[in-house]
Amino acid sequence: MEVRISSELLDRIVIETIESPHREVCGLLLGEGDHIDAVQSCRNVAADPATRFEIDPAQLLAAHRAARAGGPAIVGHYHSHPTGVAAPSRQDARDAAPDGSLWLIAAGSTVTAWRAGVDGEVHHRFTPVVLRVATRGGIRAHGN
């Protein structure tokens, strides 16, 4: 299983993560199927954004409305682990719906990709996904 993203979009996530070392950043992944065509940074409205994330419901609703009106679909989301590793935590597993959505998790400059499902390999919720990064010189694997 793999998903494609441009190096520019991946760099945006990494920069956002590095610029916010004391709180989890989060956002939406927009695209179609196994392609991420855009990322949308969102406000983290969690009660404790240093250790959890919750995408601003107004931004999430607006993205769903835009998709229904012909805009890009939401294929998943991203968030950071400022003091952890770029892998799903037990809290992520408790929060994740087993809906097949894509999760990108960033820690520093490392980003990994995961698919949330019913009986995943990690915490019985997540399955690793190969992240194929399109660069000007071709495509390279990243993460997991």
N, C-alpha and C. Protein backbone atom coordinates (compact mmCIF):
# COMPACT_ATOMS: atom_id res chain seq x y z
N MET A 1 0.84 -1.16 0.00
CA MET A 1 0.00 0.00 0.00
C MET A 1 0.90 1.24 0.00
N GLU A 2 0.56 2.21 -0.85
CA GLU A 2 1.36 3.43 -0.91
C GLU A 2 0.47 4.62 -1.25
N VAL A 3 1.01 5.80 -0.98
CA VAL A 3 0.34 7.06 -1.31
C VAL A 3 1.39 8.02 -1.83
N ARG A 4 0.98 8.89 -2.75
CA ARG A 4 1.92 9.85 -3.35
C ARG A 4 1.63 11.26 -2.88
N ILE A 5 2.72 12.01 -2.68
CA ILE A 5 2.65 13.41 -2.27
C ILE A 5 3.84 14.12 -2.90
N SER A 6 3.70 15.39 -3.21
CA SER A 6 4.84 16.15 -3.75
C SER A 6 5.79 16.53 -2.62
N SER A 7 7.04 16.74 -2.99
CA SER A 7 8.02 17.15 -1.98
C SER A 7 7.66 18.53 -1.41
N GLU A 8 7.04 19.38 -2.22
CA GLU A 8 6.63 20.70 -1.73
C GLU A 8 5.59 20.60 -0.63
N LEU A 9 4.59 19.72 -0.82
CA LEU A 9 3.56 19.56 0.21
C LEU A 9 4.14 18.92 1.47
N LEU A 10 4.99 17.93 1.30
CA LEU A 10 5.62 17.30 2.45
C LEU A 10 6.48 18.31 3.21
N ASP A 11 7.20 19.14 2.48
CA ASP A 11 8.02 20.19 3.11
C ASP A 11 7.15 21.16 3.92
N ARG A 12 5.97 21.49 3.43
CA ARG A 12 5.07 22.38 4.17
C ARG A 12 4.70 21.78 5.52
N ILE A 13 4.41 20.48 5.54
CA ILE A 13 4.08 19.81 6.80
C ILE A 13 5.27 19.82 7.74
N VAL A 14 6.46 19.51 7.23
CA VAL A 14 7.66 19.48 8.06
C VAL A 14 7.96 20.87 8.62
N ILE A 15 7.88 21.90 7.80
CA ILE A 15 8.15 23.27 8.27
C ILE A 15 7.15 23.66 9.35
N GLU A 16 5.87 23.36 9.13
CA GLU A 16 4.85 23.68 10.14
C GLU A 16 5.16 22.97 11.45
N THR A 17 5.60 21.72 11.37
CA THR A 17 5.93 20.93 12.55
C THR A 17 7.13 21.54 13.29
N ILE A 18 8.16 21.86 12.56
CA ILE A 18 9.38 22.41 13.18
C ILE A 18 9.13 23.78 13.78
N GLU A 19 8.27 24.58 13.14
CA GLU A 19 7.97 25.92 13.65
C GLU A 19 7.06 25.90 14.88
N SER A 20 6.53 24.75 15.23
CA SER A 20 5.65 24.64 16.38
C SER A 20 6.12 23.49 17.28
N PRO A 21 7.27 23.67 17.94
CA PRO A 21 7.86 22.56 18.67
C PRO A 21 7.17 22.18 19.98
N HIS A 22 6.23 23.01 20.45
CA HIS A 22 5.61 22.75 21.75
C HIS A 22 4.14 22.38 21.68
N ARG A 23 3.60 22.27 20.46
CA ARG A 23 2.20 21.85 20.33
C ARG A 23 2.05 21.05 19.06
N GLU A 24 1.06 20.19 19.06
CA GLU A 24 0.79 19.39 17.87
C GLU A 24 0.12 20.26 16.82
N VAL A 25 0.66 20.20 15.62
CA VAL A 25 0.03 20.87 14.49
C VAL A 25 -0.87 19.84 13.81
N CYS A 26 -1.83 20.32 13.04
CA CYS A 26 -2.71 19.38 12.36
C CYS A 26 -3.29 20.02 11.11
N GLY A 27 -3.77 19.18 10.22
CA GLY A 27 -4.36 19.68 8.99
C GLY A 27 -4.98 18.56 8.19
N LEU A 28 -5.57 18.94 7.09
CA LEU A 28 -6.27 18.01 6.21
C LEU A 28 -5.43 17.66 5.00
N LEU A 29 -5.59 16.42 4.53
CA LEU A 29 -4.97 15.95 3.31
C LEU A 29 -6.06 15.87 2.26
N LEU A 30 -5.86 16.57 1.16
CA LEU A 30 -6.88 16.64 0.11
C LEU A 30 -6.35 15.97 -1.15
N GLY A 31 -7.22 15.26 -1.84
CA GLY A 31 -6.79 14.60 -3.06
C GLY A 31 -7.80 13.59 -3.53
N GLU A 32 -7.27 12.52 -4.10
CA GLU A 32 -8.13 11.47 -4.63
C GLU A 32 -7.37 10.15 -4.58
N GLY A 33 -8.02 9.12 -4.08
CA GLY A 33 -7.41 7.79 -4.04
C GLY A 33 -6.08 7.79 -3.31
N ASP A 34 -5.03 7.40 -4.01
CA ASP A 34 -3.70 7.31 -3.39
C ASP A 34 -2.82 8.52 -3.71
N HIS A 35 -3.44 9.65 -4.04
CA HIS A 35 -2.70 10.89 -4.33
C HIS A 35 -3.14 12.00 -3.38
N ILE A 36 -2.16 12.63 -2.73
CA ILE A 36 -2.41 13.82 -1.94
C ILE A 36 -2.04 15.00 -2.82
N ASP A 37 -3.05 15.81 -3.18
CA ASP A 37 -2.83 16.93 -4.09
C ASP A 37 -2.70 18.27 -3.38
N ALA A 38 -3.14 18.34 -2.10
CA ALA A 38 -3.07 19.58 -1.34
C ALA A 38 -3.11 19.26 0.15
N VAL A 39 -2.55 20.15 0.94
CA VAL A 39 -2.67 20.06 2.39
C VAL A 39 -3.27 21.38 2.88
N GLN A 40 -4.10 21.28 3.89
CA GLN A 40 -4.72 22.48 4.46
C GLN A 40 -4.44 22.50 5.95
N SER A 41 -3.62 23.43 6.38
CA SER A 41 -3.32 23.58 7.79
C SER A 41 -4.61 23.97 8.53
N CYS A 42 -4.80 23.38 9.71
CA CYS A 42 -6.00 23.67 10.51
C CYS A 42 -5.58 24.04 11.93
N ARG A 43 -6.47 24.72 12.58
CA ARG A 43 -6.25 25.09 13.98
C ARG A 43 -6.45 23.86 14.85
N ASN A 44 -5.55 23.65 15.80
CA ASN A 44 -5.67 22.56 16.77
C ASN A 44 -6.49 23.10 17.95
N VAL A 45 -7.71 22.57 18.11
CA VAL A 45 -8.60 23.05 19.18
C VAL A 45 -8.65 22.10 20.37
N ALA A 46 -7.71 21.17 20.47
CA ALA A 46 -7.68 20.23 21.59
C ALA A 46 -7.49 20.98 22.90
N ALA A 47 -8.04 20.43 23.96
CA ALA A 47 -7.89 21.05 25.29
C ALA A 47 -6.43 21.19 25.68
N ASP A 48 -5.60 20.20 25.30
CA ASP A 48 -4.17 20.25 25.57
C ASP A 48 -3.40 20.02 24.27
N PRO A 49 -3.21 21.07 23.46
CA PRO A 49 -2.57 20.90 22.15
C PRO A 49 -1.10 20.49 22.23
N ALA A 50 -0.53 20.46 23.42
CA ALA A 50 0.85 19.99 23.56
C ALA A 50 0.92 18.47 23.43
N THR A 51 -0.19 17.79 23.71
CA THR A 51 -0.17 16.33 23.71
C THR A 51 -1.26 15.68 22.86
N ARG A 52 -2.17 16.47 22.32
CA ARG A 52 -3.26 15.92 21.51
C ARG A 52 -3.59 16.88 20.39
N PHE A 53 -4.36 16.38 19.43
CA PHE A 53 -4.83 17.28 18.39
C PHE A 53 -6.31 17.03 18.13
N GLU A 54 -6.98 18.09 17.76
CA GLU A 54 -8.37 18.03 17.31
C GLU A 54 -8.51 19.11 16.25
N ILE A 55 -8.84 18.69 15.05
CA ILE A 55 -8.98 19.64 13.95
C ILE A 55 -10.20 20.52 14.21
N ASP A 56 -10.04 21.82 13.99
CA ASP A 56 -11.12 22.78 14.16
C ASP A 56 -12.35 22.29 13.40
N PRO A 57 -13.47 22.02 14.08
CA PRO A 57 -14.66 21.50 13.41
C PRO A 57 -15.19 22.41 12.30
N ALA A 58 -15.05 23.72 12.46
CA ALA A 58 -15.52 24.63 11.41
C ALA A 58 -14.70 24.46 10.14
N GLN A 59 -13.40 24.28 10.27
CA GLN A 59 -12.55 24.07 9.10
C GLN A 59 -12.84 22.71 8.46
N LEU A 60 -13.07 21.70 9.27
CA LEU A 60 -13.39 20.38 8.76
C LEU A 60 -14.72 20.40 8.00
N LEU A 61 -15.71 21.03 8.58
CA LEU A 61 -17.02 21.14 7.92
C LEU A 61 -16.91 21.90 6.60
N ALA A 62 -16.14 22.99 6.60
CA ALA A 62 -15.96 23.77 5.36
C ALA A 62 -15.29 22.93 4.27
N ALA A 63 -14.33 22.11 4.65
CA ALA A 63 -13.65 21.26 3.67
C ALA A 63 -14.60 20.20 3.11
N HIS A 64 -15.45 19.64 3.97
CA HIS A 64 -16.45 18.67 3.49
C HIS A 64 -17.45 19.35 2.54
N ARG A 65 -17.87 20.54 2.87
CA ARG A 65 -18.79 21.28 1.99
C ARG A 65 -18.13 21.57 0.65
N ALA A 66 -16.87 21.99 0.68
CA ALA A 66 -16.15 22.28 -0.56
C ALA A 66 -16.03 21.02 -1.42
N ALA A 67 -15.78 19.89 -0.79
CA ALA A 67 -15.67 18.63 -1.53
C ALA A 67 -17.00 18.27 -2.19
N ARG A 68 -18.10 18.45 -1.45
CA ARG A 68 -19.42 18.15 -2.03
C ARG A 68 -19.76 19.08 -3.18
N ALA A 69 -19.17 20.26 -3.18
CA ALA A 69 -19.41 21.24 -4.25
C ALA A 69 -18.45 21.05 -5.43
N GLY A 70 -17.67 19.97 -5.41
CA GLY A 70 -16.78 19.69 -6.53
C GLY A 70 -15.31 19.91 -6.24
N GLY A 71 -14.98 20.34 -5.03
CA GLY A 71 -13.59 20.56 -4.66
C GLY A 71 -12.90 19.24 -4.33
N PRO A 72 -11.66 19.31 -3.92
CA PRO A 72 -10.92 18.07 -3.62
C PRO A 72 -11.50 17.36 -2.40
N ALA A 73 -11.43 16.04 -2.44
CA ALA A 73 -11.92 15.21 -1.34
C ALA A 73 -10.91 15.20 -0.19
N ILE A 74 -11.41 15.00 1.00
CA ILE A 74 -10.55 14.80 2.17
C ILE A 74 -10.16 13.32 2.18
N VAL A 75 -8.87 13.04 2.05
CA VAL A 75 -8.41 11.65 2.07
C VAL A 75 -7.78 11.28 3.42
N GLY A 76 -7.62 12.27 4.27
CA GLY A 76 -7.05 12.01 5.59
C GLY A 76 -6.61 13.30 6.24
N HIS A 77 -5.70 13.17 7.17
CA HIS A 77 -5.18 14.34 7.88
C HIS A 77 -3.75 14.08 8.32
N TYR A 78 -3.13 15.16 8.80
CA TYR A 78 -1.78 15.03 9.34
C TYR A 78 -1.74 15.68 10.71
N HIS A 79 -0.79 15.25 11.50
CA HIS A 79 -0.54 15.92 12.78
C HIS A 79 0.89 15.61 13.20
N SER A 80 1.35 16.34 14.19
CA SER A 80 2.74 16.16 14.64
C SER A 80 2.79 15.60 16.05
N HIS A 81 3.93 15.01 16.35
CA HIS A 81 4.26 14.55 17.69
C HIS A 81 5.52 15.33 18.10
N PRO A 82 5.34 16.49 18.70
CA PRO A 82 6.50 17.36 18.99
C PRO A 82 7.55 16.74 19.90
N THR A 83 7.15 15.88 20.82
CA THR A 83 8.14 15.28 21.72
C THR A 83 8.20 13.77 21.56
N GLY A 84 7.67 13.27 20.47
CA GLY A 84 7.63 11.83 20.27
C GLY A 84 8.23 11.41 18.96
N VAL A 85 7.76 10.29 18.49
CA VAL A 85 8.24 9.74 17.23
C VAL A 85 7.13 9.83 16.19
N ALA A 86 7.51 9.67 14.94
CA ALA A 86 6.55 9.80 13.84
C ALA A 86 5.83 8.46 13.62
N ALA A 87 5.14 8.03 14.66
CA ALA A 87 4.37 6.79 14.60
C ALA A 87 3.12 6.98 15.44
N PRO A 88 2.07 6.24 15.14
CA PRO A 88 0.83 6.41 15.90
C PRO A 88 1.01 6.08 17.38
N SER A 89 0.45 6.90 18.21
CA SER A 89 0.45 6.65 19.65
C SER A 89 -0.79 5.85 20.02
N ARG A 90 -0.81 5.37 21.24
CA ARG A 90 -2.02 4.68 21.73
C ARG A 90 -3.20 5.64 21.74
N GLN A 91 -2.96 6.91 22.04
CA GLN A 91 -4.03 7.91 22.01
C GLN A 91 -4.55 8.08 20.58
N ASP A 92 -3.65 8.11 19.60
CA ASP A 92 -4.08 8.20 18.20
C ASP A 92 -5.00 7.02 17.87
N ALA A 93 -4.63 5.83 18.33
CA ALA A 93 -5.44 4.64 18.05
C ALA A 93 -6.83 4.75 18.69
N ARG A 94 -6.89 5.30 19.90
CA ARG A 94 -8.20 5.48 20.55
C ARG A 94 -9.05 6.50 19.81
N ASP A 95 -8.40 7.51 19.24
CA ASP A 95 -9.13 8.60 18.57
C ASP A 95 -9.49 8.28 17.12
N ALA A 96 -8.80 7.33 16.51
CA ALA A 96 -8.96 7.07 15.07
C ALA A 96 -10.20 6.24 14.77
N ALA A 97 -10.98 6.71 13.83
CA ALA A 97 -12.08 5.90 13.31
C ALA A 97 -11.49 4.88 12.34
N PRO A 98 -11.97 3.65 12.35
CA PRO A 98 -11.44 2.63 11.44
C PRO A 98 -12.05 2.76 10.04
N ASP A 99 -11.83 3.91 9.43
CA ASP A 99 -12.53 4.25 8.19
C ASP A 99 -11.66 4.23 6.94
N GLY A 100 -10.42 3.76 7.08
CA GLY A 100 -9.53 3.71 5.92
C GLY A 100 -8.86 5.03 5.59
N SER A 101 -9.07 6.04 6.43
CA SER A 101 -8.46 7.34 6.14
C SER A 101 -6.95 7.29 6.35
N LEU A 102 -6.28 8.19 5.68
CA LEU A 102 -4.83 8.30 5.72
C LEU A 102 -4.42 9.21 6.87
N TRP A 103 -3.40 8.81 7.60
CA TRP A 103 -2.83 9.62 8.67
C TRP A 103 -1.36 9.83 8.34
N LEU A 104 -0.92 11.09 8.24
CA LEU A 104 0.51 11.40 8.17
C LEU A 104 0.89 11.91 9.55
N ILE A 105 1.98 11.37 10.09
CA ILE A 105 2.44 11.78 11.42
C ILE A 105 3.87 12.28 11.28
N ALA A 106 4.09 13.49 11.78
CA ALA A 106 5.40 14.14 11.67
C ALA A 106 6.03 14.30 13.04
N ALA A 107 7.32 14.08 13.09
CA ALA A 107 8.13 14.37 14.28
C ALA A 107 9.44 14.93 13.75
N GLY A 108 9.65 16.23 13.99
CA GLY A 108 10.81 16.87 13.40
C GLY A 108 10.71 16.84 11.90
N SER A 109 11.72 16.34 11.23
CA SER A 109 11.70 16.28 9.77
C SER A 109 11.27 14.92 9.23
N THR A 110 10.88 14.02 10.12
CA THR A 110 10.43 12.69 9.72
C THR A 110 8.90 12.67 9.62
N VAL A 111 8.40 12.14 8.50
CA VAL A 111 6.95 12.00 8.30
C VAL A 111 6.68 10.56 7.87
N THR A 112 5.72 9.93 8.53
CA THR A 112 5.33 8.58 8.16
C THR A 112 3.85 8.56 7.79
N ALA A 113 3.45 7.55 7.05
CA ALA A 113 2.06 7.43 6.59
C ALA A 113 1.43 6.15 7.11
N TRP A 114 0.14 6.25 7.45
CA TRP A 114 -0.59 5.15 8.06
C TRP A 114 -2.02 5.15 7.54
N ARG A 115 -2.64 3.98 7.52
CA ARG A 115 -4.04 3.86 7.15
C ARG A 115 -4.77 3.34 8.39
N ALA A 116 -5.85 4.03 8.80
CA ALA A 116 -6.64 3.61 9.96
C ALA A 116 -7.65 2.55 9.53
N GLY A 117 -7.64 1.44 10.22
CA GLY A 117 -8.55 0.36 9.86
C GLY A 117 -9.00 -0.44 11.07
N VAL A 118 -9.76 -1.46 10.80
CA VAL A 118 -10.38 -2.26 11.86
C VAL A 118 -9.35 -3.06 12.65
N ASP A 119 -8.39 -3.67 11.99
CA ASP A 119 -7.44 -4.55 12.69
C ASP A 119 -6.03 -4.28 12.20
N GLY A 120 -5.57 -3.04 12.38
CA GLY A 120 -4.26 -2.65 11.90
C GLY A 120 -3.13 -3.30 12.68
N GLU A 121 -1.95 -3.25 12.10
CA GLU A 121 -0.76 -3.85 12.70
C GLU A 121 -0.27 -3.11 13.94
N VAL A 122 -0.50 -1.79 14.00
CA VAL A 122 -0.01 -0.98 15.11
C VAL A 122 -1.20 -0.57 15.98
N HIS A 123 -1.15 -0.96 17.23
CA HIS A 123 -2.23 -0.68 18.20
C HIS A 123 -3.59 -1.19 17.70
N HIS A 124 -3.58 -2.20 16.89
CA HIS A 124 -4.81 -2.79 16.33
C HIS A 124 -5.65 -1.76 15.57
N ARG A 125 -5.00 -0.71 15.03
CA ARG A 125 -5.74 0.34 14.33
C ARG A 125 -5.05 0.81 13.05
N PHE A 126 -3.71 0.83 13.03
CA PHE A 126 -2.99 1.43 11.91
C PHE A 126 -2.15 0.43 11.13
N THR A 127 -2.15 0.60 9.82
CA THR A 127 -1.30 -0.17 8.93
C THR A 127 -0.34 0.81 8.26
N PRO A 128 0.96 0.49 8.24
CA PRO A 128 1.91 1.41 7.60
C PRO A 128 1.65 1.51 6.10
N VAL A 129 1.90 2.69 5.56
CA VAL A 129 1.74 2.97 4.14
C VAL A 129 3.05 3.56 3.64
N VAL A 130 3.51 3.14 2.48
CA VAL A 130 4.71 3.72 1.88
C VAL A 130 4.33 5.10 1.33
N LEU A 131 5.10 6.08 1.69
CA LEU A 131 4.89 7.45 1.23
C LEU A 131 5.83 7.70 0.06
N ARG A 132 5.30 7.81 -1.14
CA ARG A 132 6.09 8.08 -2.34
C ARG A 132 6.10 9.58 -2.56
N VAL A 133 7.28 10.16 -2.53
CA VAL A 133 7.44 11.61 -2.63
C VAL A 133 7.92 11.97 -4.03
N ALA A 134 7.11 12.74 -4.72
CA ALA A 134 7.47 13.20 -6.07
C ALA A 134 8.38 14.41 -5.95
N THR A 135 9.57 14.27 -6.52
CA THR A 135 10.54 15.37 -6.53
C THR A 135 10.79 15.74 -7.98
N ARG A 136 11.50 16.81 -8.18
CA ARG A 136 11.82 17.21 -9.55
C ARG A 136 12.67 16.17 -10.25
N GLY A 137 13.37 15.36 -9.48
CA GLY A 137 14.24 14.35 -10.06
C GLY A 137 13.60 12.97 -10.13
N GLY A 138 12.35 12.84 -9.70
CA GLY A 138 11.69 11.54 -9.74
C GLY A 138 10.86 11.31 -8.51
N ILE A 139 10.78 10.05 -8.07
CA ILE A 139 9.97 9.68 -6.91
C ILE A 139 10.86 8.90 -5.96
N ARG A 140 10.72 9.19 -4.65
CA ARG A 140 11.48 8.44 -3.65
C ARG A 140 10.53 8.02 -2.53
N ALA A 141 10.87 6.93 -1.86
CA ALA A 141 10.09 6.46 -0.71
C ALA A 141 10.52 7.27 0.50
N HIS A 142 9.57 7.47 1.44
CA HIS A 142 9.84 8.28 2.62
C HIS A 142 9.14 7.64 3.81
N GLY A 143 9.74 7.72 5.00
CA GLY A 143 9.07 7.30 6.23
C GLY A 143 9.22 5.84 6.53
N ASN A 144 8.10 5.24 6.95
CA ASN A 144 8.04 3.87 7.46
C ASN A 144 9.14 3.03 6.88
